Amino acid sequence: MVKNIYFTNIAYSNFKQLKGRPILLFKELENDFLFLPLTSNLQRDGIVLNNDDLIDGELKKESVIIVPKISAIDKNIILNSKFIGTLKNSKFDELLLKLCASLECIK
């Protein structure tokens, strides 16, 4: 499921409301996934994503993977979420490099 994009409800930053948003799963944990949200606001910092970057599925709009806005989500929530698509390996590798650079795990 890593590299997959799903549409699901996630909490706003204030944790008081939910918003439907596409998310990219990038790391599987025991009971959760770590994910990065996507936005159609192309002015946001991150990785630009379009349908050419997907192995399968389809984005409604060109989007940005917001890096490094990392959150966790329970695996059971993903099982009930709408599948959107899967990232190509090359785009996923680009994402991991940007994520690691932003977290200073590589120099």
PDB file of N, CA and C in Angstrom:
ATOM      1  N   MET A   1       0.809  -1.204   0.000  1.00  0.00           N
ATOM      2  CA  MET A   1       0.000   0.000   0.000  1.00  0.00           C
ATOM      3  C   MET A   1       0.849   1.264   0.000  1.00  0.00           C
ATOM      4  N   VAL A   2       2.121   1.126   0.376  1.00  0.00           N
ATOM      5  CA  VAL A   2       3.033   2.263   0.292  1.00  0.00           C
ATOM      6  C   VAL A   2       3.108   2.691  -1.166  1.00  0.00           C
ATOM      7  N   LYS A   3       3.172   3.979  -1.417  1.00  0.00           N
ATOM      8  CA  LYS A   3       3.166   4.624  -2.734  1.00  0.00           C
ATOM      9  C   LYS A   3       1.753   4.853  -3.250  1.00  0.00           C
ATOM     10  N   ASN A   4       0.747   4.391  -2.525  1.00  0.00           N
ATOM     11  CA  ASN A   4      -0.636   4.580  -2.956  1.00  0.00           C
ATOM     12  C   ASN A   4      -1.198   5.901  -2.448  1.00  0.00           C
ATOM     13  N   ILE A   5      -2.086   6.480  -3.240  1.00  0.00           N
ATOM     14  CA  ILE A   5      -2.791   7.709  -2.874  1.00  0.00           C
ATOM     15  C   ILE A   5      -4.249   7.333  -2.629  1.00  0.00           C
ATOM     16  N   TYR A   6      -4.784   7.825  -1.505  1.00  0.00           N
ATOM     17  CA  TYR A   6      -6.173   7.579  -1.131  1.00  0.00           C
ATOM     18  C   TYR A   6      -6.859   8.897  -0.827  1.00  0.00           C
ATOM     19  N   PHE A   7      -8.168   8.926  -0.988  1.00  0.00           N
ATOM     20  CA  PHE A   7      -8.964  10.071  -0.553  1.00  0.00           C
ATOM     21  C   PHE A   7      -9.621   9.674   0.755  1.00  0.00           C
ATOM     22  N   THR A   8      -9.351  10.438   1.810  1.00  0.00           N
ATOM     23  CA  THR A   8      -9.890  10.125   3.125  1.00  0.00           C
ATOM     24  C   THR A   8     -10.075  11.399   3.925  1.00  0.00           C
ATOM     25  N   ASN A   9     -10.757  11.292   5.042  1.00  0.00           N
ATOM     26  CA  ASN A   9     -10.928  12.432   5.945  1.00  0.00           C
ATOM     27  C   ASN A   9      -9.763  12.482   6.913  1.00  0.00           C
ATOM     28  N   ILE A  10      -9.117  13.635   6.971  1.00  0.00           N
ATOM     29  CA  ILE A  10      -8.047  13.848   7.945  1.00  0.00           C
ATOM     30  C   ILE A  10      -8.341  15.123   8.713  1.00  0.00           C
ATOM     31  N   ALA A  11      -7.725  15.228   9.880  1.00  0.00           N
ATOM     32  CA  ALA A  11      -7.962  16.381  10.740  1.00  0.00           C
ATOM     33  C   ALA A  11      -7.219  17.609  10.231  1.00  0.00           C
ATOM     34  N   TYR A  12      -7.877  18.760  10.388  1.00  0.00           N
ATOM     35  CA  TYR A  12      -7.184  20.038  10.184  1.00  0.00           C
ATOM     36  C   TYR A  12      -6.078  20.148  11.228  1.00  0.00           C
ATOM     37  N   SER A  13      -5.208  21.110  11.061  1.00  0.00           N
ATOM     38  CA  SER A  13      -4.104  21.306  12.005  1.00  0.00           C
ATOM     39  C   SER A  13      -4.588  21.537  13.431  1.00  0.00           C
ATOM     40  N   ASN A  14      -5.805  22.095  13.591  1.00  0.00           N
ATOM     41  CA  ASN A  14      -6.316  22.356  14.938  1.00  0.00           C
ATOM     42  C   ASN A  14      -6.982  21.118  15.556  1.00  0.00           C
ATOM     43  N   PHE A  15      -7.085  20.031  14.794  1.00  0.00           N
ATOM     44  CA  PHE A  15      -7.667  18.762  15.231  1.00  0.00           C
ATOM     45  C   PHE A  15      -9.131  18.872  15.649  1.00  0.00           C
ATOM     46  N   LYS A  16      -9.816  19.942  15.262  1.00  0.00           N
ATOM     47  CA  LYS A  16     -11.210  20.130  15.645  1.00  0.00           C
ATOM     48  C   LYS A  16     -12.176  19.763  14.529  1.00  0.00           C
ATOM     49  N   GLN A  17     -11.699  19.731  13.302  1.00  0.00           N
ATOM     50  CA  GLN A  17     -12.550  19.432  12.159  1.00  0.00           C
ATOM     51  C   GLN A  17     -11.834  18.463  11.230  1.00  0.00           C
ATOM     52  N   LEU A  18     -12.635  17.780  10.416  1.00  0.00           N
ATOM     53  CA  LEU A  18     -12.082  16.883   9.411  1.00  0.00           C
ATOM     54  C   LEU A  18     -12.282  17.470   8.024  1.00  0.00           C
ATOM     55  N   LYS A  19     -11.393  17.096   7.125  1.00  0.00           N
ATOM     56  CA  LYS A  19     -11.496  17.543   5.743  1.00  0.00           C
ATOM     57  C   LYS A  19     -11.154  16.368   4.840  1.00  0.00           C
ATOM     58  N   GLY A  20     -11.945  16.182   3.783  1.00  0.00           N
ATOM     59  CA  GLY A  20     -11.608  15.176   2.794  1.00  0.00           C
ATOM     60  C   GLY A  20     -10.420  15.648   1.979  1.00  0.00           C
ATOM     61  N   ARG A  21      -9.405  14.790   1.863  1.00  0.00           N
ATOM     62  CA  ARG A  21      -8.175  15.191   1.181  1.00  0.00           C
ATOM     63  C   ARG A  21      -7.475  13.952   0.650  1.00  0.00           C
ATOM     64  N   PRO A  22      -6.807  14.066  -0.498  1.00  0.00           N
ATOM     65  CA  PRO A  22      -5.961  12.954  -0.939  1.00  0.00           C
ATOM     66  C   PRO A  22      -4.682  12.921  -0.103  1.00  0.00           C
ATOM     67  N   ILE A  23      -4.249  11.703   0.205  1.00  0.00           N
ATOM     68  CA  ILE A  23      -3.015  11.517   0.975  1.00  0.00           C
ATOM     69  C   ILE A  23      -2.168  10.445   0.302  1.00  0.00           C
ATOM     70  N   LEU A  24      -0.854  10.558   0.462  1.00  0.00           N
ATOM     71  CA  LEU A  24       0.085   9.581  -0.069  1.00  0.00           C
ATOM     72  C   LEU A  24       0.670   8.786   1.101  1.00  0.00           C
ATOM     73  N   LEU A  25       0.505   7.470   1.068  1.00  0.00           N
ATOM     74  CA  LEU A  25       1.106   6.612   2.085  1.00  0.00           C
ATOM     75  C   LEU A  25       2.566   6.384   1.716  1.00  0.00           C
ATOM     76  N   PHE A  26       3.480   6.662   2.671  1.00  0.00           N
ATOM     77  CA  PHE A  26       4.892   6.476   2.321  1.00  0.00           C
ATOM     78  C   PHE A  26       5.646   5.552   3.253  1.00  0.00           C
ATOM     79  N   LYS A  27       5.042   5.158   4.380  1.00  0.00           N
ATOM     80  CA  LYS A  27       5.730   4.244   5.303  1.00  0.00           C
ATOM     81  C   LYS A  27       4.690   3.445   6.062  1.00  0.00           C
ATOM     82  N   GLU A  28       4.845   2.126   6.061  1.00  0.00           N
ATOM     83  CA  GLU A  28       3.930   1.255   6.804  1.00  0.00           C
ATOM     84  C   GLU A  28       4.526   0.958   8.169  1.00  0.00           C
ATOM     85  N   LEU A  29       3.707   1.130   9.199  1.00  0.00           N
ATOM     86  CA  LEU A  29       4.076   0.785  10.567  1.00  0.00           C
ATOM     87  C   LEU A  29       3.210  -0.401  10.990  1.00  0.00           C
ATOM     88  N   GLU A  30       3.283  -0.801  12.241  1.00  0.00           N
ATOM     89  CA  GLU A  30       2.519  -1.970  12.680  1.00  0.00           C
ATOM     90  C   GLU A  30       1.012  -1.809  12.453  1.00  0.00           C
ATOM     91  N   ASN A  31       0.418  -0.756  13.002  1.00  0.00           N
ATOM     92  CA  ASN A  31      -1.027  -0.548  12.881  1.00  0.00           C
ATOM     93  C   ASN A  31      -1.399   0.726  12.130  1.00  0.00           C
ATOM     94  N   ASP A  32      -0.413   1.436  11.648  1.00  0.00           N
ATOM     95  CA  ASP A  32      -0.637   2.732  11.019  1.00  0.00           C
ATOM     96  C   ASP A  32       0.170   2.844   9.730  1.00  0.00           C
ATOM     97  N   PHE A  33      -0.118   3.923   9.016  1.00  0.00           N
ATOM     98  CA  PHE A  33       0.708   4.370   7.897  1.00  0.00           C
ATOM     99  C   PHE A  33       1.130   5.793   8.179  1.00  0.00           C
ATOM    100  N   LEU A  34       2.349   6.151   7.796  1.00  0.00           N
ATOM    101  CA  LEU A  34       2.739   7.548   7.752  1.00  0.00           C
ATOM    102  C   LEU A  34       2.326   8.062   6.381  1.00  0.00           C
ATOM    103  N   PHE A  35       1.814   9.296   6.357  1.00  0.00           N
ATOM    104  CA  PHE A  35       1.354   9.840   5.085  1.00  0.00           C
ATOM    105  C   PHE A  35       1.715  11.301   4.955  1.00  0.00           C
ATOM    106  N   LEU A  36       1.660  11.766   3.715  1.00  0.00           N
ATOM    107  CA  LEU A  36       1.816  13.172   3.367  1.00  0.00           C
ATOM    108  C   LEU A  36       0.551  13.601   2.639  1.00  0.00           C
ATOM    109  N   PRO A  37      -0.007  14.756   2.980  1.00  0.00           N
ATOM    110  CA  PRO A  37      -1.213  15.227   2.297  1.00  0.00           C
ATOM    111  C   PRO A  37      -0.872  15.817   0.933  1.00  0.00           C
ATOM    112  N   LEU A  38      -1.863  15.819   0.060  1.00  0.00           N
ATOM    113  CA  LEU A  38      -1.756  16.465  -1.241  1.00  0.00           C
ATOM    114  C   LEU A  38      -2.668  17.681  -1.256  1.00  0.00           C
ATOM    115  N   THR A  39      -2.299  18.658  -2.057  1.00  0.00           N
ATOM    116  CA  THR A  39      -3.122  19.844  -2.250  1.00  0.00           C
ATOM    117  C   THR A  39      -3.130  20.205  -3.732  1.00  0.00           C
ATOM    118  N   SER A  40      -4.206  20.836  -4.170  1.00  0.00           N
ATOM    119  CA  SER A  40      -4.244  21.328  -5.550  1.00  0.00           C
ATOM    120  C   SER A  40      -3.696  22.749  -5.638  1.00  0.00           C
ATOM    121  N   ASN A  41      -3.277  23.321  -4.501  1.00  0.00           N
ATOM    122  CA  ASN A  41      -2.648  24.640  -4.472  1.00  0.00           C
ATOM    123  C   ASN A  41      -1.196  24.483  -4.929  1.00  0.00           C
ATOM    124  N   LEU A  42      -0.937  24.775  -6.182  1.00  0.00           N
ATOM    125  CA  LEU A  42       0.386  24.556  -6.761  1.00  0.00           C
ATOM    126  C   LEU A  42       1.435  25.534  -6.253  1.00  0.00           C
ATOM    127  N   GLN A  43       1.036  26.492  -5.430  1.00  0.00           N
ATOM    128  CA  GLN A  43       1.984  27.441  -4.837  1.00  0.00           C
ATOM    129  C   GLN A  43       2.650  26.870  -3.587  1.00  0.00           C
ATOM    130  N   ARG A  44       2.107  25.771  -3.051  1.00  0.00           N
ATOM    131  CA  ARG A  44       2.669  25.154  -1.841  1.00  0.00           C
ATOM    132  C   ARG A  44       4.018  24.529  -2.142  1.00  0.00           C
ATOM    133  N   ASP A  45       4.887  24.525  -1.143  1.00  0.00           N
ATOM    134  CA  ASP A  45       6.185  23.883  -1.275  1.00  0.00           C
ATOM    135  C   ASP A  45       5.987  22.371  -1.225  1.00  0.00           C
ATOM    136  N   GLY A  46       6.674  21.665  -2.078  1.00  0.00           N
ATOM    137  CA  GLY A  46       6.575  20.215  -2.091  1.00  0.00           C
ATOM    138  C   GLY A  46       6.924  19.657  -3.457  1.00  0.00           C
ATOM    139  N   ILE A  47       6.361  18.512  -3.766  1.00  0.00           N
ATOM    140  CA  ILE A  47       6.625  17.816  -5.022  1.00  0.00           C
ATOM    141  C   ILE A  47       5.381  17.902  -5.898  1.00  0.00           C
ATOM    142  N   VAL A  48       5.513  18.481  -7.080  1.00  0.00           N
ATOM    143  CA  VAL A  48       4.393  18.581  -8.014  1.00  0.00           C
ATOM    144  C   VAL A  48       4.107  17.188  -8.573  1.00  0.00           C
ATOM    145  N   LEU A  49       2.828  16.885  -8.654  1.00  0.00           N
ATOM    146  CA  LEU A  49       2.388  15.554  -9.050  1.00  0.00           C
ATOM    147  C   LEU A  49       1.289  15.668 -10.096  1.00  0.00           C
ATOM    148  N   ASN A  50       1.427  14.918 -11.192  1.00  0.00           N
ATOM    149  CA  ASN A  50       0.360  14.858 -12.194  1.00  0.00           C
ATOM    150  C   ASN A  50       0.164  13.407 -12.611  1.00  0.00           C
ATOM    151  N   ASN A  51      -0.765  13.174 -13.497  1.00  0.00           N
ATOM    152  CA  ASN A  51      -1.104  11.798 -13.868  1.00  0.00           C
ATOM    153  C   ASN A  51       0.047  11.049 -14.533  1.00  0.00           C
ATOM    154  N   ASP A  52       1.012  11.754 -15.129  1.00  0.00           N
ATOM    155  CA  ASP A  52       2.182  11.093 -15.709  1.00  0.00           C
ATOM    156  C   ASP A  52       3.057  10.445 -14.634  1.00  0.00           C
ATOM    157  N   ASP A  53       2.881  10.864 -13.371  1.00  0.00           N
ATOM    158  CA  ASP A  53       3.672  10.337 -12.258  1.00  0.00           C
ATOM    159  C   ASP A  53       3.043   9.099 -11.625  1.00  0.00           C
ATOM    160  N   LEU A  54       1.903   8.661 -12.154  1.00  0.00           N
ATOM    161  CA  LEU A  54       1.185   7.519 -11.584  1.00  0.00           C
ATOM    162  C   LEU A  54       1.330   6.281 -12.460  1.00  0.00           C
ATOM    163  N   ILE A  55       1.449   5.133 -11.809  1.00  0.00           N
ATOM    164  CA  ILE A  55       1.436   3.842 -12.503  1.00  0.00           C
ATOM    165  C   ILE A  55       0.010   3.537 -12.939  1.00  0.00           C
ATOM    166  N   ASP A  56      -0.925   3.772 -12.041  1.00  0.00           N
ATOM    167  CA  ASP A  56      -2.332   3.550 -12.324  1.00  0.00           C
ATOM    168  C   ASP A  56      -3.161   4.574 -11.564  1.00  0.00           C
ATOM    169  N   GLY A  57      -4.425   4.650 -11.869  1.00  0.00           N
ATOM    170  CA  GLY A  57      -5.303   5.618 -11.232  1.00  0.00           C
ATOM    171  C   GLY A  57      -5.231   6.965 -11.917  1.00  0.00           C
ATOM    172  N   GLU A  58      -5.915   7.948 -11.310  1.00  0.00           N
ATOM    173  CA  GLU A  58      -5.984   9.266 -11.926  1.00  0.00           C
ATOM    174  C   GLU A  58      -6.257  10.343 -10.876  1.00  0.00           C
ATOM    175  N   LEU A  59      -5.496  11.424 -10.967  1.00  0.00           N
ATOM    176  CA  LEU A  59      -5.744  12.618 -10.156  1.00  0.00           C
ATOM    177  C   LEU A  59      -6.741  13.503 -10.884  1.00  0.00           C
ATOM    178  N   LYS A  60      -7.647  14.125 -10.157  1.00  0.00           N
ATOM    179  CA  LYS A  60      -8.587  15.060 -10.779  1.00  0.00           C
ATOM    180  C   LYS A  60      -7.879  16.336 -11.215  1.00  0.00           C
ATOM    181  N   LYS A  61      -6.854  16.731 -10.435  1.00  0.00           N
ATOM    182  CA  LYS A  61      -6.110  17.962 -10.711  1.00  0.00           C
ATOM    183  C   LYS A  61      -4.634  17.725 -10.446  1.00  0.00           C
ATOM    184  N   GLU A  62      -3.796  18.495 -11.142  1.00  0.00           N
ATOM    185  CA  GLU A  62      -2.381  18.511 -10.797  1.00  0.00           C
ATOM    186  C   GLU A  62      -2.286  18.920  -9.330  1.00  0.00           C
ATOM    187  N   SER A  63      -1.385  18.290  -8.591  1.00  0.00           N
ATOM    188  CA  SER A  63      -1.335  18.492  -7.145  1.00  0.00           C
ATOM    189  C   SER A  63       0.102  18.640  -6.668  1.00  0.00           C
ATOM    190  N   VAL A  64       0.228  18.967  -5.390  1.00  0.00           N
ATOM    191  CA  VAL A  64       1.521  19.045  -4.726  1.00  0.00           C
ATOM    192  C   VAL A  64       1.475  18.135  -3.511  1.00  0.00           C
ATOM    193  N   ILE A  65       2.499  17.282  -3.381  1.00  0.00           N
ATOM    194  CA  ILE A  65       2.668  16.500  -2.156  1.00  0.00           C
ATOM    195  C   ILE A  65       3.343  17.435  -1.164  1.00  0.00           C
ATOM    196  N   ILE A  66       2.682  17.718  -0.059  1.00  0.00           N
ATOM    197  CA  ILE A  66       3.199  18.681   0.908  1.00  0.00           C
ATOM    198  C   ILE A  66       4.277  18.002   1.757  1.00  0.00           C
ATOM    199  N   VAL A  67       5.509  18.456   1.585  1.00  0.00           N
ATOM    200  CA  VAL A  67       6.661  17.912   2.296  1.00  0.00           C
ATOM    201  C   VAL A  67       7.196  18.984   3.216  1.00  0.00           C
ATOM    202  N   PRO A  68       7.453  18.706   4.489  1.00  0.00           N
ATOM    203  CA  PRO A  68       7.389  17.443   5.211  1.00  0.00           C
ATOM    204  C   PRO A  68       6.207  17.358   6.184  1.00  0.00           C
ATOM    205  N   LYS A  69       5.013  17.615   5.777  1.00  0.00           N
ATOM    206  CA  LYS A  69       3.846  17.605   6.670  1.00  0.00           C
ATOM    207  C   LYS A  69       3.408  16.164   6.926  1.00  0.00           C
ATOM    208  N   ILE A  70       4.161  15.465   7.764  1.00  0.00           N
ATOM    209  CA  ILE A  70       3.958  14.042   8.025  1.00  0.00           C
ATOM    210  C   ILE A  70       2.913  13.844   9.116  1.00  0.00           C
ATOM    211  N   SER A  71       2.024  12.887   8.886  1.00  0.00           N
ATOM    212  CA  SER A  71       1.046  12.481   9.894  1.00  0.00           C
ATOM    213  C   SER A  71       0.899  10.971   9.830  1.00  0.00           C
ATOM    214  N   ALA A  72       0.204  10.421  10.815  1.00  0.00           N
ATOM    215  CA  ALA A  72      -0.063   8.984  10.848  1.00  0.00           C
ATOM    216  C   ALA A  72      -1.561   8.759  10.756  1.00  0.00           C
ATOM    217  N   ILE A  73      -1.936   7.622  10.167  1.00  0.00           N
ATOM    218  CA  ILE A  73      -3.340   7.256  10.048  1.00  0.00           C
ATOM    219  C   ILE A  73      -3.467   5.753  10.292  1.00  0.00           C
ATOM    220  N   ASP A  74      -4.511   5.378  10.983  1.00  0.00           N
ATOM    221  CA  ASP A  74      -4.778   3.978  11.290  1.00  0.00           C
ATOM    222  C   ASP A  74      -5.041   3.202   9.993  1.00  0.00           C
ATOM    223  N   LYS A  75      -4.492   2.001   9.910  1.00  0.00           N
ATOM    224  CA  LYS A  75      -4.671   1.177   8.714  1.00  0.00           C
ATOM    225  C   LYS A  75      -6.148   0.904   8.419  1.00  0.00           C
ATOM    226  N   ASN A  76      -6.976   0.756   9.448  1.00  0.00           N
ATOM    227  CA  ASN A  76      -8.397   0.466   9.237  1.00  0.00           C
ATOM    228  C   ASN A  76      -9.112   1.600   8.514  1.00  0.00           C
ATOM    229  N   ILE A  77      -8.674   2.826   8.734  1.00  0.00           N
ATOM    230  CA  ILE A  77      -9.280   3.965   8.035  1.00  0.00           C
ATOM    231  C   ILE A  77      -8.976   3.883   6.548  1.00  0.00           C
ATOM    232  N   ILE A  78      -7.748   3.496   6.211  1.00  0.00           N
ATOM    233  CA  ILE A  78      -7.357   3.388   4.808  1.00  0.00           C
ATOM    234  C   ILE A  78      -8.161   2.305   4.094  1.00  0.00           C
ATOM    235  N   LEU A  79      -8.472   1.229   4.788  1.00  0.00           N
ATOM    236  CA  LEU A  79      -9.236   0.145   4.176  1.00  0.00           C
ATOM    237  C   LEU A  79     -10.609   0.610   3.702  1.00  0.00           C
ATOM    238  N   ASN A  80     -11.134   1.665   4.316  1.00  0.00           N
ATOM    239  CA  ASN A  80     -12.445   2.201   3.953  1.00  0.00           C
ATOM    240  C   ASN A  80     -12.349   3.484   3.130  1.00  0.00           C
ATOM    241  N   SER A  81     -11.162   3.783   2.632  1.00  0.00           N
ATOM    242  CA  SER A  81     -10.947   5.014   1.871  1.00  0.00           C
ATOM    243  C   SER A  81     -10.911   4.723   0.371  1.00  0.00           C
ATOM    244  N   LYS A  82     -11.156   5.760  -0.411  1.00  0.00           N
ATOM    245  CA  LYS A  82     -11.184   5.617  -1.872  1.00  0.00           C
ATOM    246  C   LYS A  82      -9.766   5.640  -2.435  1.00  0.00           C
ATOM    247  N   PHE A  83      -9.404   4.604  -3.180  1.00  0.00           N
ATOM    248  CA  PHE A  83      -8.116   4.523  -3.852  1.00  0.00           C
ATOM    249  C   PHE A  83      -8.101   5.487  -5.032  1.00  0.00           C
ATOM    250  N   ILE A  84      -7.012   6.262  -5.161  1.00  0.00           N
ATOM    251  CA  ILE A  84      -6.865   7.201  -6.278  1.00  0.00           C
ATOM    252  C   ILE A  84      -5.826   6.709  -7.279  1.00  0.00           C
ATOM    253  N   GLY A  85      -4.659   6.265  -6.805  1.00  0.00           N
ATOM    254  CA  GLY A  85      -3.614   5.842  -7.723  1.00  0.00           C
ATOM    255  C   GLY A  85      -2.349   5.427  -6.995  1.00  0.00           C
ATOM    256  N   THR A  86      -1.356   5.021  -7.769  1.00  0.00           N
ATOM    257  CA  THR A  86      -0.065   4.577  -7.234  1.00  0.00           C
ATOM    258  C   THR A  86       1.056   5.355  -7.908  1.00  0.00           C
ATOM    259  N   LEU A  87       1.980   5.880  -7.099  1.00  0.00           N
ATOM    260  CA  LEU A  87       3.129   6.614  -7.634  1.00  0.00           C
ATOM    261  C   LEU A  87       4.105   5.693  -8.348  1.00  0.00           C
ATOM    262  N   LYS A  88       4.701   6.203  -9.411  1.00  0.00           N
ATOM    263  CA  LYS A  88       5.809   5.500 -10.060  1.00  0.00           C
ATOM    264  C   LYS A  88       6.999   5.488  -9.114  1.00  0.00           C
ATOM    265  N   ASN A  89       7.844   4.478  -9.235  1.00  0.00           N
ATOM    266  CA  ASN A  89       9.022   4.363  -8.373  1.00  0.00           C
ATOM    267  C   ASN A  89       9.912   5.593  -8.451  1.00  0.00           C
ATOM    268  N   SER A  90      10.113   6.134  -9.656  1.00  0.00           N
ATOM    269  CA  SER A  90      10.993   7.291  -9.818  1.00  0.00           C
ATOM    270  C   SER A  90      10.467   8.506  -9.058  1.00  0.00           C
ATOM    271  N   LYS A  91       9.161   8.714  -9.061  1.00  0.00           N
ATOM    272  CA  LYS A  91       8.572   9.851  -8.342  1.00  0.00           C
ATOM    273  C   LYS A  91       8.647   9.614  -6.837  1.00  0.00           C
ATOM    274  N   PHE A  92       8.439   8.365  -6.416  1.00  0.00           N
ATOM    275  CA  PHE A  92       8.532   8.033  -4.994  1.00  0.00           C
ATOM    276  C   PHE A  92       9.958   8.256  -4.497  1.00  0.00           C
ATOM    277  N   ASP A  93      10.956   7.878  -5.291  1.00  0.00           N
ATOM    278  CA  ASP A  93      12.357   8.103  -4.914  1.00  0.00           C
ATOM    279  C   ASP A  93      12.647   9.598  -4.788  1.00  0.00           C
ATOM    280  N   GLU A  94      12.115  10.397  -5.717  1.00  0.00           N
ATOM    281  CA  GLU A  94      12.273  11.859  -5.646  1.00  0.00           C
ATOM    282  C   GLU A  94      11.659  12.394  -4.354  1.00  0.00           C
ATOM    283  N   LEU A  95      10.497  11.887  -4.015  1.00  0.00           N
ATOM    284  CA  LEU A  95       9.819  12.295  -2.782  1.00  0.00           C
ATOM    285  C   LEU A  95      10.660  11.957  -1.555  1.00  0.00           C
ATOM    286  N   LEU A  96      11.187  10.741  -1.491  1.00  0.00           N
ATOM    287  CA  LEU A  96      11.981  10.338  -0.326  1.00  0.00           C
ATOM    288  C   LEU A  96      13.227  11.198  -0.179  1.00  0.00           C
ATOM    289  N   LEU A  97      13.863  11.552  -1.294  1.00  0.00           N
ATOM    290  CA  LEU A  97      15.042  12.423  -1.227  1.00  0.00           C
ATOM    291  C   LEU A  97      14.678  13.803  -0.672  1.00  0.00           C
ATOM    292  N   LYS A  98      13.578  14.372  -1.154  1.00  0.00           N
ATOM    293  CA  LYS A  98      13.148  15.692  -0.659  1.00  0.00           C
ATOM    294  C   LYS A  98      12.739  15.613   0.806  1.00  0.00           C
ATOM    295  N   LEU A  99      12.059  14.548   1.174  1.00  0.00           N
ATOM    296  CA  LEU A  99      11.638  14.382   2.566  1.00  0.00           C
ATOM    297  C   LEU A  99      12.847  14.261   3.478  1.00  0.00           C
ATOM    298  N   CYS A 100      13.802  13.441   3.099  1.00  0.00           N
ATOM    299  CA  CYS A 100      15.003  13.293   3.921  1.00  0.00           C
ATOM    300  C   CYS A 100      15.807  14.589   3.997  1.00  0.00           C
ATOM    301  N   ALA A 101      15.893  15.309   2.900  1.00  0.00           N
ATOM    302  CA  ALA A 101      16.608  16.601   2.920  1.00  0.00           C
ATOM    303  C   ALA A 101      15.908  17.582   3.842  1.00  0.00           C
ATOM    304  N   SER A 102      14.559  17.606   3.806  1.00  0.00           N
ATOM    305  CA  SER A 102      13.832  18.558   4.656  1.00  0.00           C
ATOM    306  C   SER A 102      13.936  18.177   6.134  1.00  0.00           C
ATOM    307  N   LEU A 103      14.115  16.891   6.431  1.00  0.00           N
ATOM    308  CA  LEU A 103      14.264  16.441   7.819  1.00  0.00           C
ATOM    309  C   LEU A 103      15.726  16.368   8.236  1.00  0.00           C
ATOM    310  N   GLU A 104      16.614  16.742   7.313  1.00  0.00           N
ATOM    311  CA  GLU A 104      18.057  16.747   7.543  1.00  0.00           C
ATOM    312  C   GLU A 104      18.610  15.373   7.919  1.00  0.00           C
ATOM    313  N   CYS A 105      18.023  14.310   7.349  1.00  0.00           N
ATOM    314  CA  CYS A 105      18.565  12.975   7.582  1.00  0.00           C
ATOM    315  C   CYS A 105      19.644  12.645   6.546  1.00  0.00           C
ATOM    316  N   ILE A 106      19.740  13.495   5.488  1.00  0.00           N
ATOM    317  CA  ILE A 106      20.861  13.416   4.559  1.00  0.00           C
ATOM    318  C   ILE A 106      21.359  14.821   4.331  1.00  0.00           C
ATOM    319  N   LYS A 107      22.605  14.956   4.037  1.00  0.00           N
ATOM    320  CA  LYS A 107      23.190  16.289   3.809  1.00  0.00           C
ATOM    321  C   LYS A 107      23.699  16.387   2.411  1.00  0.00           C
TER     322      LYS A 107
END
